[in-house]
Each structure stands twice: as structure tokens, then as C-alpha cells.
Amino acid sequence: MSAGEGVRASAVVFVAAMLQVVVVSSLAISGGAPDLLLVSVVALGLLRGSVPGAVCGFTGGLIVDLLTLETLGITSLVLTLAGFWAGRWAETTARSRKLAPAIAVGVITVLAGAFAFVLHYMLGDDVVARLALVTVLVPTLLANLVLAFPVYLLIRAAVHERDVRELATEVEVVV
């Protein structure tokens, strides 16, 4: 990734984090709110790969943690893993698939919600499983799926993704 691409990706993450904290988090729909930053990090992971996806996730999560004064590091860790998972999936199998953004956003939204619940539980926070994993997660999942394609296309245009993609011909298992 060149310096110009890095600056564009950083700008996308910063804008998505600010919009998430200021605007999107207050749009509660049936108990859950869309997670624009998660969708943006997944899109960047799909477009750029696992390491840039993880870096973008960490940066965006750190911005959100600092702005909301929540427990420092939880959002960063969750979004780092989300960006890495999306990028790794794109590097191995998903680059040529038309539904890759929707599949990645759906799966990673569920995994991120479950992982955030586990982290909060391990830190001793009072978290109700039904509230975190059903009441909030289902509307958030539906809202993120609605945002998946428009955000993916917008970010692809913003970071100037090339149409020529190098597909993985094989995957090597390292033990």
C-alpha cells in the first residue's frame, strides 16, 4: 500500500469513526444501532488485505474508545480482529465473489458482537446475554447488512481500488 493509499484509508477510517460516534450511534432501530465503523473496516479489509484491515480497525477503534470514554481497548481489539478477518478472507477466497461484502459484514457483525460480549464479561462488566446477543445484535445485523453494499462501493471509490485483482491460487497451511 503506497503512502497516498494509506492517507486515503486513514481519512476514511477517521470520518467513519467520527460519524459513528456523533451521528450513527444515536440512530437506534428496534434496540440496535448500525455500526458504520465496523462496516467500513470490513470493506477496507476486503479491499486492502488483512494487515491494512487490522491497522484500520485498531485506529478506528482507538478513536471511538477515546471519544466515548469507554473501556480503552475493547473496541480497538474487536475492530482489529474484524479488519484482519475480512482481509484474510479476501486474500484467500472472497475477492471474486459478488456477495463478499454482505457475507463478510454479516458474519463479522455476529462474531464481533459475541466477542465484545465475552470481553465485557471477562472484565467484570454487568452485561445481560439476551440483551447483548439478541435484542441489540439482530437489529444491528440487519442495519449493517443494509449498509454493506453502499458503504463498500463508496469506500472502493474513495480509496481508488483497482479492478484487477490477484486471486489466490492456493493456500498453504503452516503448522
Protein backbone atom coordinates (compact mmCIF):
# COMPACT_ATOMS: atom_id res chain seq x y z
CA MET A 1 0.00 0.00 0.00
CA SER A 2 1.51 3.32 -1.05
CA ALA A 3 1.57 6.49 1.05
CA GLY A 4 -1.34 8.03 -0.86
CA GLU A 5 -3.46 4.92 -0.40
CA GLY A 6 -2.63 4.91 3.30
CA VAL A 7 -3.66 8.53 3.69
CA ARG A 8 -6.97 7.88 1.90
CA ALA A 9 -7.66 4.80 4.03
CA SER A 10 -6.82 6.77 7.20
CA ALA A 11 -9.18 9.56 6.16
CA VAL A 12 -11.96 7.03 5.53
CA VAL A 13 -11.43 5.47 8.97
CA PHE A 14 -11.36 8.85 10.71
CA VAL A 15 -14.55 10.05 9.00
CA ALA A 16 -16.32 6.74 9.68
CA ALA A 17 -15.29 6.81 13.35
CA MET A 18 -16.47 10.40 13.78
CA LEU A 19 -19.77 9.68 12.02
CA GLN A 20 -20.24 6.57 14.16
CA VAL A 21 -19.79 8.44 17.42
CA VAL A 22 -21.59 11.66 16.52
CA VAL A 23 -24.46 10.58 14.26
CA VAL A 24 -24.95 6.87 13.66
CA SER A 25 -24.81 5.61 17.25
CA SER A 26 -27.86 7.72 18.11
CA LEU A 27 -29.95 6.11 15.35
CA ALA A 28 -31.46 3.33 17.44
CA ILE A 29 -33.63 0.99 15.40
CA SER A 30 -35.58 -1.56 17.49
CA GLY A 31 -32.93 -1.52 20.19
CA GLY A 32 -29.85 -1.71 17.97
CA ALA A 33 -27.89 0.85 16.01
CA PRO A 34 -25.96 0.38 12.76
CA ASP A 35 -22.20 0.12 13.12
CA LEU A 36 -20.82 2.23 10.29
CA LEU A 37 -17.25 1.89 11.52
CA LEU A 38 -17.43 -1.91 11.57
CA VAL A 39 -18.82 -1.96 8.03
CA SER A 40 -16.10 0.46 6.90
CA VAL A 41 -13.32 -1.59 8.48
CA VAL A 42 -14.67 -4.77 6.88
CA ALA A 43 -14.80 -3.02 3.49
CA LEU A 44 -11.22 -1.77 3.89
CA GLY A 45 -10.13 -5.25 4.93
CA LEU A 46 -11.79 -6.75 1.85
CA LEU A 47 -10.20 -4.15 -0.42
CA ARG A 48 -6.71 -3.88 1.08
CA GLY A 49 -5.95 -7.15 2.87
CA SER A 50 -5.51 -8.45 6.38
CA VAL A 51 -2.74 -6.25 7.76
CA PRO A 52 -4.13 -2.91 6.47
CA GLY A 53 -7.58 -4.06 7.62
CA ALA A 54 -6.27 -4.78 11.11
CA VAL A 55 -4.44 -1.43 11.28
CA CYS A 56 -7.55 0.44 10.13
CA GLY A 57 -9.66 -1.45 12.67
CA PHE A 58 -7.28 -0.66 15.50
CA THR A 59 -7.09 3.01 14.56
CA GLY A 60 -10.85 3.40 14.22
CA GLY A 61 -11.49 1.52 17.45
CA LEU A 62 -8.99 3.66 19.33
CA ILE A 63 -10.67 6.82 18.05
CA VAL A 64 -14.08 5.55 19.19
CA ASP A 65 -12.74 4.45 22.58
CA LEU A 66 -11.16 7.85 23.16
CA LEU A 67 -14.23 9.79 22.05
CA THR A 68 -16.77 7.79 24.03
CA LEU A 69 -14.60 7.30 27.15
CA GLU A 70 -15.50 3.63 27.22
CA THR A 71 -13.07 0.98 28.48
CA LEU A 72 -9.96 1.69 26.44
CA GLY A 73 -9.08 -1.10 24.04
CA ILE A 74 -12.27 -3.14 23.73
CA THR A 75 -13.49 -1.53 20.53
CA SER A 76 -9.92 -1.42 19.23
CA LEU A 77 -9.44 -5.14 19.77
CA VAL A 78 -12.80 -6.08 18.28
CA LEU A 79 -12.29 -3.93 15.17
CA THR A 80 -8.68 -5.08 14.76
CA LEU A 81 -9.87 -8.67 14.56
CA ALA A 82 -12.75 -7.68 12.27
CA GLY A 83 -10.43 -5.97 9.80
CA PHE A 84 -7.98 -8.85 9.93
CA TRP A 85 -10.68 -11.50 9.41
CA ALA A 86 -12.18 -9.63 6.46
CA GLY A 87 -8.79 -9.08 4.86
CA ARG A 88 -7.70 -12.67 5.38
CA TRP A 89 -10.92 -13.98 3.87
CA ALA A 90 -10.49 -11.67 0.88
CA GLU A 91 -6.87 -12.75 0.41
CA THR A 92 -7.78 -16.42 0.30
CA THR A 93 -11.19 -16.90 -1.30
CA ALA A 94 -13.50 -13.92 -1.48
CA ARG A 95 -12.03 -11.43 -3.95
CA SER A 96 -14.04 -12.55 -6.95
CA ARG A 97 -17.35 -13.09 -5.18
CA LYS A 98 -20.15 -10.60 -5.76
CA LEU A 99 -21.72 -11.10 -2.32
CA ALA A 100 -18.44 -10.88 -0.40
CA PRO A 101 -19.27 -7.54 1.31
CA ALA A 102 -22.65 -8.75 2.58
CA ILE A 103 -21.35 -12.14 3.72
CA ALA A 104 -18.33 -10.62 5.45
CA VAL A 105 -20.36 -7.88 7.15
CA GLY A 106 -22.99 -10.37 8.33
CA VAL A 107 -20.59 -12.93 9.74
CA ILE A 108 -18.22 -10.39 11.27
CA THR A 109 -21.07 -8.42 12.86
CA VAL A 110 -22.20 -11.55 14.70
CA LEU A 111 -18.64 -12.54 15.65
CA ALA A 112 -17.77 -9.00 16.78
CA GLY A 113 -20.92 -8.79 18.91
CA ALA A 114 -20.20 -12.12 20.56
CA PHE A 115 -16.54 -11.26 21.10
CA ALA A 116 -17.39 -7.86 22.60
CA PHE A 117 -19.85 -9.57 24.95
CA VAL A 118 -17.16 -12.04 26.06
CA LEU A 119 -14.64 -9.24 26.61
CA HIS A 120 -17.08 -7.22 28.71
CA TYR A 121 -17.97 -10.34 30.72
CA MET A 122 -14.29 -11.15 31.32
CA LEU A 123 -13.65 -7.60 32.53
CA GLY A 124 -16.47 -7.90 35.06
CA ASP A 125 -18.91 -5.51 33.41
CA ASP A 126 -22.60 -6.13 34.01
CA VAL A 127 -23.81 -7.47 30.65
CA VAL A 128 -27.04 -9.34 30.02
CA ALA A 129 -26.51 -12.06 27.40
CA ARG A 130 -30.02 -11.84 25.96
CA LEU A 131 -29.76 -8.08 25.59
CA ALA A 132 -26.29 -8.14 24.03
CA LEU A 133 -26.68 -11.17 21.78
CA VAL A 134 -30.33 -10.98 20.70
CA THR A 135 -32.10 -7.69 21.43
CA VAL A 136 -29.25 -5.47 20.20
CA LEU A 137 -27.40 -7.79 17.81
CA VAL A 138 -30.30 -8.71 15.49
CA PRO A 139 -31.30 -5.12 14.57
CA THR A 140 -27.62 -4.16 14.31
CA LEU A 141 -27.01 -7.09 11.96
CA LEU A 142 -29.93 -6.10 9.72
CA ALA A 143 -28.85 -2.44 9.65
CA ASN A 144 -25.24 -3.40 8.85
CA LEU A 145 -26.40 -5.65 6.01
CA VAL A 146 -28.36 -2.73 4.55
CA LEU A 147 -25.22 -0.57 4.75
CA ALA A 148 -22.85 -3.24 3.39
CA PHE A 149 -23.03 -2.61 -0.37
CA PRO A 150 -23.38 1.20 -0.39
CA VAL A 151 -20.51 1.64 2.08
CA TYR A 152 -18.35 -0.90 0.23
CA LEU A 153 -18.88 0.86 -3.11
CA LEU A 154 -18.29 4.29 -1.56
CA ILE A 155 -15.06 3.17 0.12
CA ARG A 156 -13.88 1.39 -3.01
CA ALA A 157 -14.30 4.66 -4.91
CA ALA A 158 -12.66 6.68 -2.13
CA VAL A 159 -9.53 4.52 -1.87
CA HIS A 160 -9.32 4.02 -5.65
CA GLU A 161 -9.42 0.24 -5.66
CA ARG A 162 -8.14 -1.25 -8.86
CA ASP A 163 -10.39 -3.65 -10.74
CA VAL A 164 -7.51 -6.01 -11.48
CA ARG A 165 -7.25 -8.39 -8.56
CA GLU A 166 -4.72 -11.04 -7.90
CA LEU A 167 -6.58 -14.19 -6.92
CA ALA A 168 -5.04 -16.69 -4.56
CA THR A 169 -4.28 -19.88 -6.48
CA GLU A 170 -3.54 -21.94 -3.39
CA VAL A 171 -3.49 -21.68 0.35
CA GLU A 172 -0.53 -23.03 2.30
CA VAL A 173 -1.15 -24.33 5.81
CA VAL A 174 1.79 -23.53 8.08
CA VAL A 175 1.99 -25.61 11.23
